[in-house]
N, C-alpha and C. Protein backbone atom coordinates (compact mmCIF):
# COMPACT_ATOMS: atom_id res chain seq x y z
N MET A 1 -16.41 -2.76 -4.66
CA MET A 1 -16.94 -3.95 -4.02
C MET A 1 -17.46 -3.62 -2.62
N LEU A 2 -16.58 -3.09 -1.74
CA LEU A 2 -17.01 -2.82 -0.37
C LEU A 2 -17.84 -1.55 -0.24
N GLU A 3 -17.84 -0.72 -1.31
CA GLU A 3 -18.65 0.50 -1.26
C GLU A 3 -20.14 0.17 -1.20
N HIS A 4 -20.51 -1.07 -1.53
CA HIS A 4 -21.91 -1.46 -1.53
C HIS A 4 -22.39 -1.97 -0.17
N LEU A 5 -21.45 -2.11 0.78
CA LEU A 5 -21.86 -2.48 2.13
C LEU A 5 -22.63 -1.32 2.74
N PRO A 6 -23.75 -1.58 3.40
CA PRO A 6 -24.48 -0.48 4.03
C PRO A 6 -23.66 0.11 5.18
N GLY A 7 -23.83 1.42 5.41
CA GLY A 7 -23.08 2.12 6.45
C GLY A 7 -23.24 1.50 7.82
N TRP A 8 -24.43 0.99 8.13
CA TRP A 8 -24.65 0.40 9.45
C TRP A 8 -23.77 -0.84 9.63
N LEU A 9 -23.56 -1.61 8.56
CA LEU A 9 -22.71 -2.80 8.66
C LEU A 9 -21.24 -2.40 8.80
N GLY A 10 -20.83 -1.37 8.04
CA GLY A 10 -19.47 -0.85 8.19
C GLY A 10 -19.22 -0.38 9.61
N GLY A 11 -20.21 0.29 10.19
CA GLY A 11 -20.10 0.75 11.58
C GLY A 11 -19.99 -0.40 12.56
N MET A 12 -20.74 -1.47 12.32
CA MET A 12 -20.68 -2.63 13.21
C MET A 12 -19.32 -3.32 13.14
N LEU A 13 -18.69 -3.27 11.96
CA LEU A 13 -17.38 -3.91 11.77
C LEU A 13 -16.21 -2.98 12.11
N ARG A 14 -16.52 -1.79 12.61
CA ARG A 14 -15.51 -0.75 12.82
C ARG A 14 -14.29 -1.23 13.61
N ASN A 15 -14.48 -2.06 14.60
CA ASN A 15 -13.36 -2.51 15.43
C ASN A 15 -12.76 -3.83 14.95
N PHE A 16 -13.27 -4.39 13.87
CA PHE A 16 -12.70 -5.62 13.32
C PHE A 16 -11.75 -5.23 12.20
N ARG A 17 -10.46 -5.38 12.46
CA ARG A 17 -9.42 -4.98 11.52
C ARG A 17 -8.28 -5.99 11.58
N ALA A 18 -7.58 -6.14 10.47
CA ALA A 18 -6.46 -7.08 10.41
C ALA A 18 -5.38 -6.71 11.41
N GLY A 19 -4.99 -5.44 11.45
CA GLY A 19 -4.00 -4.96 12.41
C GLY A 19 -2.67 -4.60 11.77
N HIS A 20 -2.13 -3.49 12.22
CA HIS A 20 -0.85 -2.99 11.70
C HIS A 20 0.30 -3.95 11.99
N SER A 21 0.21 -4.71 13.06
CA SER A 21 1.30 -5.63 13.40
C SER A 21 1.49 -6.73 12.36
N LYS A 22 0.52 -6.90 11.47
CA LYS A 22 0.61 -7.94 10.44
C LYS A 22 1.15 -7.42 9.10
N LEU A 23 1.52 -6.13 9.04
CA LEU A 23 2.11 -5.60 7.82
C LEU A 23 3.39 -6.35 7.46
N ALA A 24 3.66 -6.49 6.17
CA ALA A 24 4.85 -7.21 5.71
C ALA A 24 6.12 -6.65 6.31
N ILE A 25 6.25 -5.33 6.35
CA ILE A 25 7.48 -4.69 6.82
C ILE A 25 7.79 -4.99 8.28
N LEU A 26 6.79 -5.40 9.05
CA LEU A 26 6.97 -5.69 10.47
C LEU A 26 7.19 -7.17 10.78
N GLN A 27 7.20 -8.01 9.75
CA GLN A 27 7.36 -9.44 9.99
C GLN A 27 8.83 -9.76 10.27
N PRO A 28 9.11 -10.40 11.41
CA PRO A 28 10.50 -10.62 11.82
C PRO A 28 11.32 -11.45 10.83
N GLU A 29 10.68 -12.35 10.09
CA GLU A 29 11.44 -13.19 9.16
C GLU A 29 12.10 -12.40 8.03
N LEU A 30 11.61 -11.19 7.76
CA LEU A 30 12.21 -10.38 6.70
C LEU A 30 13.49 -9.67 7.17
N GLU A 31 13.67 -9.53 8.47
CA GLU A 31 14.87 -8.91 9.03
C GLU A 31 15.22 -7.63 8.28
N VAL A 32 14.29 -6.65 8.31
CA VAL A 32 14.43 -5.41 7.55
C VAL A 32 15.68 -4.62 7.94
N GLY A 33 16.06 -4.61 9.18
CA GLY A 33 17.27 -3.91 9.60
C GLY A 33 17.09 -2.41 9.68
N ASP A 34 18.23 -1.68 9.63
CA ASP A 34 18.22 -0.24 9.87
C ASP A 34 18.30 0.62 8.61
N ALA A 35 18.56 0.03 7.46
CA ALA A 35 18.68 0.82 6.23
C ALA A 35 17.29 1.29 5.79
N VAL A 36 17.12 2.61 5.73
CA VAL A 36 15.82 3.20 5.42
C VAL A 36 15.85 3.84 4.03
N ILE A 37 14.86 3.52 3.22
CA ILE A 37 14.69 4.14 1.91
C ILE A 37 13.65 5.24 2.06
N ASP A 38 13.98 6.44 1.60
CA ASP A 38 13.06 7.58 1.68
C ASP A 38 12.00 7.43 0.59
N LEU A 39 10.80 6.99 0.96
CA LEU A 39 9.70 6.75 0.03
C LEU A 39 8.64 7.82 0.22
N SER A 40 8.19 8.44 -0.88
CA SER A 40 7.18 9.49 -0.80
C SER A 40 6.34 9.52 -2.08
N SER A 41 5.36 10.41 -2.08
CA SER A 41 4.53 10.60 -3.26
C SER A 41 4.30 12.09 -3.47
N PRO A 42 4.39 12.57 -4.72
CA PRO A 42 4.05 13.97 -4.96
C PRO A 42 2.54 14.23 -4.88
N ALA A 43 1.73 13.17 -4.75
CA ALA A 43 0.27 13.32 -4.76
C ALA A 43 -0.34 13.46 -3.36
N PHE A 44 0.38 13.04 -2.32
CA PHE A 44 -0.14 13.14 -0.96
C PHE A 44 1.02 13.07 0.03
N PRO A 45 0.89 13.72 1.21
CA PRO A 45 1.95 13.66 2.21
C PRO A 45 1.84 12.38 3.03
N TYR A 46 2.93 12.05 3.73
CA TYR A 46 2.90 10.90 4.64
C TYR A 46 1.75 11.09 5.63
N GLY A 47 0.88 10.10 5.73
CA GLY A 47 -0.25 10.16 6.64
C GLY A 47 -1.43 10.96 6.11
N GLY A 48 -1.30 11.49 4.89
CA GLY A 48 -2.37 12.30 4.31
C GLY A 48 -3.41 11.47 3.58
N ARG A 49 -4.53 12.11 3.32
CA ARG A 49 -5.64 11.46 2.63
C ARG A 49 -5.29 11.27 1.15
N LEU A 50 -5.54 10.05 0.64
CA LEU A 50 -5.33 9.77 -0.78
C LEU A 50 -6.34 10.56 -1.60
N PRO A 51 -5.89 11.23 -2.66
CA PRO A 51 -6.85 11.87 -3.56
C PRO A 51 -7.81 10.83 -4.16
N VAL A 52 -9.04 11.23 -4.37
CA VAL A 52 -10.10 10.33 -4.83
C VAL A 52 -9.72 9.57 -6.10
N ARG A 53 -8.95 10.20 -7.00
CA ARG A 53 -8.64 9.56 -8.28
C ARG A 53 -7.89 8.23 -8.12
N PHE A 54 -7.25 8.02 -6.95
CA PHE A 54 -6.51 6.77 -6.72
C PHE A 54 -7.36 5.69 -6.06
N THR A 55 -8.64 5.96 -5.84
CA THR A 55 -9.51 5.05 -5.11
C THR A 55 -10.61 4.50 -6.01
N ALA A 56 -11.41 3.59 -5.46
CA ALA A 56 -12.54 3.02 -6.19
C ALA A 56 -13.63 4.06 -6.43
N ASP A 57 -13.58 5.20 -5.74
CA ASP A 57 -14.55 6.27 -5.95
C ASP A 57 -14.15 7.20 -7.09
N GLY A 58 -12.95 7.02 -7.62
CA GLY A 58 -12.46 7.84 -8.72
C GLY A 58 -12.02 6.95 -9.87
N GLU A 59 -10.96 7.36 -10.54
CA GLU A 59 -10.46 6.58 -11.69
C GLU A 59 -9.82 5.28 -11.27
N GLY A 60 -9.35 5.20 -10.03
CA GLY A 60 -8.76 3.95 -9.53
C GLY A 60 -7.37 3.67 -10.04
N VAL A 61 -6.63 4.73 -10.41
CA VAL A 61 -5.24 4.53 -10.87
C VAL A 61 -4.30 4.54 -9.68
N SER A 62 -3.14 3.94 -9.85
CA SER A 62 -2.16 3.92 -8.77
C SER A 62 -1.49 5.28 -8.64
N PRO A 63 -1.14 5.68 -7.41
CA PRO A 63 -0.50 6.98 -7.22
C PRO A 63 0.97 6.96 -7.64
N PRO A 64 1.52 8.13 -7.96
CA PRO A 64 2.94 8.20 -8.27
C PRO A 64 3.76 8.02 -6.99
N LEU A 65 4.91 7.38 -7.13
CA LEU A 65 5.81 7.16 -6.00
C LEU A 65 7.22 7.56 -6.42
N VAL A 66 7.97 8.11 -5.48
CA VAL A 66 9.38 8.42 -5.70
C VAL A 66 10.15 7.97 -4.47
N TRP A 67 11.43 7.63 -4.67
CA TRP A 67 12.25 7.23 -3.53
C TRP A 67 13.70 7.62 -3.75
N GLY A 68 14.41 7.67 -2.64
CA GLY A 68 15.81 8.06 -2.66
C GLY A 68 16.73 6.88 -2.87
N ASP A 69 17.97 7.06 -2.41
CA ASP A 69 18.99 6.04 -2.59
C ASP A 69 18.60 4.74 -1.90
N VAL A 70 19.08 3.65 -2.48
CA VAL A 70 18.86 2.32 -1.91
C VAL A 70 20.19 1.82 -1.38
N PRO A 71 20.19 0.82 -0.49
CA PRO A 71 21.44 0.34 0.08
C PRO A 71 22.38 -0.24 -0.98
N ASP A 72 23.68 -0.14 -0.73
CA ASP A 72 24.66 -0.76 -1.61
C ASP A 72 24.37 -2.25 -1.72
N GLY A 73 24.55 -2.79 -2.91
CA GLY A 73 24.32 -4.22 -3.12
C GLY A 73 22.89 -4.55 -3.51
N THR A 74 22.05 -3.53 -3.67
CA THR A 74 20.65 -3.79 -4.06
C THR A 74 20.60 -4.31 -5.50
N ALA A 75 19.97 -5.47 -5.67
CA ALA A 75 19.81 -6.07 -7.00
C ALA A 75 18.45 -5.73 -7.60
N GLY A 76 17.46 -5.47 -6.77
CA GLY A 76 16.13 -5.15 -7.24
C GLY A 76 15.24 -4.75 -6.08
N LEU A 77 14.04 -4.27 -6.41
CA LEU A 77 13.10 -3.79 -5.40
C LEU A 77 11.75 -4.47 -5.56
N VAL A 78 11.05 -4.58 -4.46
CA VAL A 78 9.69 -5.12 -4.45
C VAL A 78 8.81 -4.13 -3.68
N LEU A 79 7.67 -3.79 -4.26
CA LEU A 79 6.70 -2.93 -3.60
C LEU A 79 5.49 -3.75 -3.19
N ILE A 80 5.10 -3.61 -1.93
CA ILE A 80 3.86 -4.24 -1.43
C ILE A 80 3.03 -3.13 -0.79
N VAL A 81 1.77 -3.02 -1.19
CA VAL A 81 0.85 -2.04 -0.61
C VAL A 81 -0.25 -2.82 0.11
N GLU A 82 -0.43 -2.52 1.40
CA GLU A 82 -1.41 -3.25 2.21
C GLU A 82 -2.32 -2.31 2.99
N ASP A 83 -3.53 -2.79 3.25
CA ASP A 83 -4.50 -2.11 4.11
C ASP A 83 -4.65 -2.93 5.39
N PRO A 84 -3.97 -2.53 6.49
CA PRO A 84 -4.09 -3.28 7.74
C PRO A 84 -5.40 -3.03 8.46
N ASP A 85 -6.20 -2.09 7.96
CA ASP A 85 -7.49 -1.77 8.59
C ASP A 85 -8.65 -2.52 7.94
N ALA A 86 -8.35 -3.34 6.95
CA ALA A 86 -9.40 -4.12 6.28
C ALA A 86 -10.10 -5.02 7.30
N PRO A 87 -11.43 -5.18 7.17
CA PRO A 87 -12.16 -6.07 8.09
C PRO A 87 -11.90 -7.53 7.70
N ALA A 88 -10.68 -7.99 8.00
CA ALA A 88 -10.25 -9.34 7.61
C ALA A 88 -9.22 -9.83 8.61
N ILE A 89 -8.80 -11.06 8.44
CA ILE A 89 -7.79 -11.63 9.34
C ILE A 89 -6.40 -11.09 9.00
N HIS A 90 -6.13 -10.90 7.71
CA HIS A 90 -4.84 -10.41 7.26
C HIS A 90 -5.03 -9.09 6.51
N PRO A 91 -3.99 -8.24 6.45
CA PRO A 91 -4.10 -7.02 5.67
C PRO A 91 -4.46 -7.33 4.22
N MET A 92 -5.26 -6.47 3.62
CA MET A 92 -5.61 -6.65 2.21
C MET A 92 -4.47 -6.10 1.36
N VAL A 93 -4.03 -6.88 0.37
CA VAL A 93 -2.97 -6.46 -0.52
C VAL A 93 -3.58 -5.65 -1.66
N HIS A 94 -3.11 -4.41 -1.82
CA HIS A 94 -3.59 -3.54 -2.89
C HIS A 94 -2.64 -3.50 -4.08
N ALA A 95 -1.41 -3.92 -3.86
CA ALA A 95 -0.45 -4.04 -4.97
C ALA A 95 0.72 -4.89 -4.51
N LEU A 96 1.24 -5.68 -5.45
CA LEU A 96 2.47 -6.44 -5.25
C LEU A 96 3.24 -6.30 -6.55
N VAL A 97 4.33 -5.53 -6.48
CA VAL A 97 5.10 -5.23 -7.68
C VAL A 97 6.53 -5.74 -7.50
N PRO A 98 6.83 -6.92 -8.03
CA PRO A 98 8.20 -7.43 -7.95
C PRO A 98 9.03 -6.91 -9.13
N GLY A 99 10.32 -7.12 -9.05
CA GLY A 99 11.19 -6.88 -10.20
C GLY A 99 11.40 -5.43 -10.59
N ILE A 100 11.30 -4.50 -9.64
CA ILE A 100 11.62 -3.11 -9.94
C ILE A 100 13.15 -3.00 -9.98
N ALA A 101 13.68 -2.40 -11.03
CA ALA A 101 15.13 -2.29 -11.20
C ALA A 101 15.77 -1.49 -10.07
N ALA A 102 16.95 -1.90 -9.66
CA ALA A 102 17.66 -1.23 -8.57
C ALA A 102 17.95 0.23 -8.87
N GLU A 103 18.09 0.57 -10.16
CA GLU A 103 18.40 1.95 -10.56
C GLU A 103 17.16 2.84 -10.59
N GLU A 104 15.99 2.25 -10.60
CA GLU A 104 14.74 3.01 -10.70
C GLU A 104 14.55 3.82 -9.42
N ARG A 105 13.98 5.03 -9.56
CA ARG A 105 13.70 5.88 -8.40
C ARG A 105 12.28 6.41 -8.40
N ARG A 106 11.42 5.84 -9.28
CA ARG A 106 10.04 6.33 -9.29
C ARG A 106 9.13 5.33 -10.01
N LEU A 107 7.86 5.42 -9.66
CA LEU A 107 6.78 4.78 -10.43
C LEU A 107 5.80 5.90 -10.76
N ALA A 108 5.49 6.06 -12.02
CA ALA A 108 4.59 7.13 -12.46
C ALA A 108 3.15 6.82 -12.04
N GLU A 109 2.32 7.84 -12.00
CA GLU A 109 0.89 7.66 -11.74
C GLU A 109 0.32 6.67 -12.76
N GLY A 110 -0.41 5.69 -12.28
CA GLY A 110 -1.04 4.70 -13.15
C GLY A 110 -0.11 3.60 -13.63
N ALA A 111 1.13 3.56 -13.14
CA ALA A 111 2.10 2.56 -13.61
C ALA A 111 1.81 1.15 -13.12
N ILE A 112 1.13 1.01 -12.00
CA ILE A 112 0.88 -0.32 -11.45
C ILE A 112 -0.41 -0.87 -12.06
N VAL A 113 -0.25 -1.64 -13.12
CA VAL A 113 -1.39 -2.25 -13.81
C VAL A 113 -1.03 -3.69 -14.14
N ASN A 114 -2.04 -4.49 -14.44
CA ASN A 114 -1.81 -5.92 -14.73
C ASN A 114 -0.82 -6.16 -15.85
N ASP A 115 -0.85 -5.33 -16.89
CA ASP A 115 0.04 -5.56 -18.02
C ASP A 115 1.18 -4.55 -18.05
N GLY A 116 1.41 -3.84 -16.95
CA GLY A 116 2.44 -2.81 -16.92
C GLY A 116 3.66 -3.25 -16.15
N VAL A 117 3.83 -2.68 -14.97
CA VAL A 117 5.03 -2.90 -14.17
C VAL A 117 5.16 -4.36 -13.76
N GLY A 118 4.07 -5.03 -13.56
CA GLY A 118 4.11 -6.43 -13.16
C GLY A 118 3.22 -6.68 -11.97
N GLY A 119 3.26 -7.87 -11.44
CA GLY A 119 2.44 -8.21 -10.29
C GLY A 119 0.97 -8.29 -10.66
N GLU A 120 0.15 -8.12 -9.68
CA GLU A 120 -1.29 -8.26 -9.85
C GLU A 120 -1.99 -6.98 -10.26
N GLY A 121 -1.27 -5.87 -10.27
CA GLY A 121 -1.91 -4.61 -10.58
C GLY A 121 -2.33 -3.89 -9.31
N TRP A 122 -2.95 -2.73 -9.49
CA TRP A 122 -3.39 -1.87 -8.39
C TRP A 122 -4.84 -2.17 -8.08
N VAL A 123 -5.13 -2.49 -6.83
CA VAL A 123 -6.51 -2.66 -6.36
C VAL A 123 -6.85 -1.37 -5.61
N PRO A 124 -7.69 -0.50 -6.19
CA PRO A 124 -7.93 0.81 -5.57
C PRO A 124 -8.59 0.69 -4.20
N PRO A 125 -8.22 1.58 -3.26
CA PRO A 125 -8.85 1.60 -1.94
C PRO A 125 -10.37 1.68 -2.06
N ASP A 126 -11.03 0.87 -1.24
CA ASP A 126 -12.48 0.69 -1.33
C ASP A 126 -13.04 0.34 0.06
N PRO A 127 -12.77 1.18 1.09
CA PRO A 127 -13.19 0.82 2.44
C PRO A 127 -14.70 0.88 2.61
N PRO A 128 -15.24 0.06 3.51
CA PRO A 128 -16.69 0.11 3.76
C PRO A 128 -17.10 1.46 4.36
N THR A 129 -18.23 1.97 3.94
CA THR A 129 -18.78 3.19 4.51
C THR A 129 -18.99 2.99 6.01
N GLY A 130 -18.55 3.97 6.80
CA GLY A 130 -18.75 3.91 8.25
C GLY A 130 -17.74 3.08 8.99
N HIS A 131 -16.77 2.47 8.30
CA HIS A 131 -15.78 1.60 8.96
C HIS A 131 -14.65 2.41 9.57
N GLY A 132 -14.57 3.68 9.26
CA GLY A 132 -13.51 4.52 9.78
C GLY A 132 -12.39 4.68 8.77
N THR A 133 -11.38 5.41 9.18
CA THR A 133 -10.24 5.67 8.31
C THR A 133 -9.38 4.43 8.16
N HIS A 134 -8.98 4.17 6.93
CA HIS A 134 -8.07 3.06 6.64
C HIS A 134 -6.71 3.61 6.25
N ASP A 135 -5.66 2.96 6.72
CA ASP A 135 -4.30 3.26 6.29
C ASP A 135 -3.97 2.39 5.09
N TYR A 136 -3.33 2.99 4.10
CA TYR A 136 -2.82 2.24 2.94
C TYR A 136 -1.31 2.39 2.99
N VAL A 137 -0.64 1.27 3.31
CA VAL A 137 0.79 1.29 3.63
C VAL A 137 1.60 0.79 2.44
N PHE A 138 2.36 1.71 1.84
CA PHE A 138 3.23 1.42 0.71
C PHE A 138 4.58 1.01 1.30
N GLN A 139 5.04 -0.20 1.01
CA GLN A 139 6.27 -0.73 1.57
C GLN A 139 7.21 -1.12 0.44
N LEU A 140 8.38 -0.50 0.39
CA LEU A 140 9.35 -0.74 -0.67
C LEU A 140 10.55 -1.46 -0.07
N PHE A 141 10.87 -2.63 -0.59
CA PHE A 141 11.96 -3.45 -0.07
C PHE A 141 13.11 -3.51 -1.07
N ALA A 142 14.33 -3.25 -0.59
CA ALA A 142 15.54 -3.42 -1.39
C ALA A 142 16.09 -4.81 -1.11
N LEU A 143 16.35 -5.57 -2.18
CA LEU A 143 16.80 -6.96 -2.03
C LEU A 143 18.18 -7.15 -2.63
N ASP A 144 18.95 -8.07 -2.05
CA ASP A 144 20.30 -8.36 -2.56
C ASP A 144 20.28 -9.36 -3.72
N ALA A 145 19.12 -9.90 -4.02
CA ALA A 145 18.93 -10.82 -5.15
C ALA A 145 17.52 -10.65 -5.66
N ILE A 146 17.34 -10.83 -6.95
CA ILE A 146 16.01 -10.71 -7.53
C ILE A 146 15.30 -12.05 -7.37
N PRO A 147 14.22 -12.06 -6.56
CA PRO A 147 13.55 -13.34 -6.30
C PRO A 147 12.77 -13.84 -7.51
N ASP A 148 12.72 -15.14 -7.67
CA ASP A 148 11.89 -15.75 -8.71
C ASP A 148 10.52 -15.98 -8.10
N LEU A 149 9.61 -15.07 -8.39
CA LEU A 149 8.28 -15.12 -7.76
C LEU A 149 7.25 -15.86 -8.60
N GLY A 150 7.56 -16.17 -9.84
CA GLY A 150 6.58 -16.84 -10.67
C GLY A 150 5.48 -15.88 -11.08
N PRO A 151 4.43 -16.38 -11.77
CA PRO A 151 3.41 -15.50 -12.34
C PRO A 151 2.50 -14.82 -11.31
N ASN A 152 2.05 -15.50 -10.28
CA ASN A 152 1.14 -14.92 -9.28
C ASN A 152 1.53 -15.41 -7.89
N PRO A 153 2.58 -14.82 -7.30
CA PRO A 153 3.10 -15.37 -6.05
C PRO A 153 2.21 -15.13 -4.84
N GLY A 154 1.43 -14.06 -4.86
CA GLY A 154 0.67 -13.69 -3.68
C GLY A 154 1.61 -13.18 -2.60
N ARG A 155 1.02 -12.64 -1.55
CA ARG A 155 1.81 -12.06 -0.48
C ARG A 155 2.70 -13.09 0.19
N SER A 156 2.15 -14.25 0.52
CA SER A 156 2.94 -15.26 1.24
C SER A 156 4.10 -15.77 0.39
N GLY A 157 3.89 -15.94 -0.91
CA GLY A 157 4.98 -16.36 -1.80
C GLY A 157 6.06 -15.31 -1.90
N ALA A 158 5.66 -14.06 -1.97
CA ALA A 158 6.63 -12.96 -2.04
C ALA A 158 7.43 -12.88 -0.74
N MET A 159 6.74 -12.99 0.38
CA MET A 159 7.42 -12.93 1.68
C MET A 159 8.44 -14.06 1.80
N LYS A 160 8.06 -15.25 1.38
CA LYS A 160 8.97 -16.40 1.47
C LYS A 160 10.20 -16.17 0.58
N ALA A 161 9.98 -15.68 -0.64
CA ALA A 161 11.09 -15.45 -1.57
C ALA A 161 12.00 -14.32 -1.09
N MET A 162 11.46 -13.33 -0.38
CA MET A 162 12.25 -12.19 0.08
C MET A 162 13.03 -12.49 1.36
N THR A 163 12.61 -13.49 2.12
CA THR A 163 13.25 -13.81 3.39
C THR A 163 14.74 -14.07 3.20
N GLY A 164 15.55 -13.38 3.99
CA GLY A 164 16.99 -13.51 3.93
C GLY A 164 17.66 -12.64 2.88
N HIS A 165 16.87 -11.84 2.15
CA HIS A 165 17.43 -11.02 1.07
C HIS A 165 17.17 -9.52 1.23
N VAL A 166 16.50 -9.09 2.30
CA VAL A 166 16.14 -7.69 2.46
C VAL A 166 17.33 -6.89 3.01
N LEU A 167 17.71 -5.85 2.26
CA LEU A 167 18.81 -4.97 2.68
C LEU A 167 18.31 -3.71 3.37
N GLY A 168 17.08 -3.31 3.07
CA GLY A 168 16.49 -2.12 3.64
C GLY A 168 15.08 -1.94 3.12
N ALA A 169 14.37 -0.97 3.70
CA ALA A 169 12.98 -0.77 3.30
C ALA A 169 12.56 0.67 3.54
N GLY A 170 11.52 1.06 2.83
CA GLY A 170 10.90 2.36 3.02
C GLY A 170 9.41 2.20 3.15
N MET A 171 8.76 3.17 3.78
CA MET A 171 7.32 3.06 4.02
C MET A 171 6.66 4.42 3.84
N LEU A 172 5.49 4.41 3.24
CA LEU A 172 4.66 5.60 3.06
C LEU A 172 3.24 5.21 3.40
N VAL A 173 2.54 6.05 4.15
CA VAL A 173 1.15 5.76 4.54
C VAL A 173 0.23 6.85 3.97
N GLY A 174 -0.82 6.40 3.27
CA GLY A 174 -1.90 7.27 2.84
C GLY A 174 -3.17 6.78 3.49
N THR A 175 -4.16 7.64 3.65
CA THR A 175 -5.40 7.24 4.31
C THR A 175 -6.59 7.47 3.38
N TYR A 176 -7.68 6.76 3.69
CA TYR A 176 -8.93 6.99 2.96
C TYR A 176 -10.07 6.44 3.80
N SER A 177 -11.25 7.05 3.65
CA SER A 177 -12.45 6.61 4.37
C SER A 177 -13.68 7.02 3.58
N ARG A 178 -14.81 6.45 3.97
CA ARG A 178 -16.12 6.82 3.42
C ARG A 178 -17.06 7.11 4.58
N GLY A 179 -17.84 8.17 4.43
CA GLY A 179 -18.83 8.48 5.46
C GLY A 179 -18.21 8.94 6.76
N GLU A 180 -17.01 9.54 6.69
CA GLU A 180 -16.28 10.00 7.87
C GLU A 180 -15.93 11.46 7.69
N ASN A 181 -15.59 12.12 8.79
CA ASN A 181 -15.01 13.44 8.68
C ASN A 181 -13.66 13.31 7.99
N ALA A 182 -13.37 14.19 7.07
CA ALA A 182 -12.10 14.16 6.35
C ALA A 182 -11.43 15.51 6.50
N ILE A 183 -10.11 15.50 6.58
CA ILE A 183 -9.36 16.73 6.67
C ILE A 183 -9.10 17.25 5.25
N VAL A 184 -9.63 18.43 4.97
CA VAL A 184 -9.45 19.05 3.66
C VAL A 184 -8.98 20.47 3.91
N GLY A 185 -7.77 20.78 3.47
CA GLY A 185 -7.24 22.12 3.65
C GLY A 185 -7.10 22.52 5.11
N GLY A 186 -6.85 21.55 6.00
CA GLY A 186 -6.64 21.84 7.41
C GLY A 186 -7.90 21.88 8.23
N SER A 187 -9.08 21.70 7.62
CA SER A 187 -10.33 21.74 8.37
C SER A 187 -11.08 20.42 8.20
N ALA A 188 -11.75 20.00 9.28
CA ALA A 188 -12.54 18.78 9.21
C ALA A 188 -13.87 19.10 8.53
N VAL A 189 -14.24 18.26 7.57
CA VAL A 189 -15.50 18.43 6.87
C VAL A 189 -16.33 17.18 7.14
N ALA A 190 -17.48 17.35 7.80
CA ALA A 190 -18.32 16.22 8.19
C ALA A 190 -18.96 15.56 6.97
N GLY A 191 -18.93 14.22 6.95
CA GLY A 191 -19.64 13.45 5.93
C GLY A 191 -19.19 13.74 4.52
N LEU A 192 -17.94 14.12 4.36
CA LEU A 192 -17.44 14.48 3.04
C LEU A 192 -17.73 13.38 2.03
N SER A 193 -18.31 13.76 0.94
CA SER A 193 -18.54 12.81 -0.15
C SER A 193 -17.26 12.65 -0.93
N PRO A 194 -16.85 11.40 -1.23
CA PRO A 194 -15.62 11.20 -1.95
C PRO A 194 -15.70 11.63 -3.40
N ALA A 195 -16.86 11.90 -3.93
CA ALA A 195 -16.99 12.25 -5.35
C ALA A 195 -16.62 13.69 -5.61
């Protein structure tokens, strides 16, 4: 969708971003606390560039995720993936996956789909050309009760249902851009084509 914006428009919107302060994990009503879940991906390092296959320029499948122990008393997990760099008022939600079992420690590549794990599915990263690097923030919340989110809760519905139930959280950041220098193998490559 946003790949069709001309580069000059992406450049003009470069400084218009939702903002990291609006990420779900930073909202005070969730009272995330000090319990940290070790969240990572075998496909990219923390802060690393997402491989093309996970974006709108590739197959658009969700990346694999793995995590460590969750806090005692965890009844279930919720994953929210947001782009705080989207040219919008609020971060763009790329995935909302409720109802992950407390015993689960991974989501396989491609697991986040409309008829799979649940939620709305994976919306592949699709930043405007020339808008700069976007962060894609994977946020995993451990809850003391499994919230009743209904069929399509949206971010605000999920946040409301999770309030007062968060025992801990984990975070992983991947990046992606179009028409920008990209770090590949430790070297910057100008104008790297995502294909």
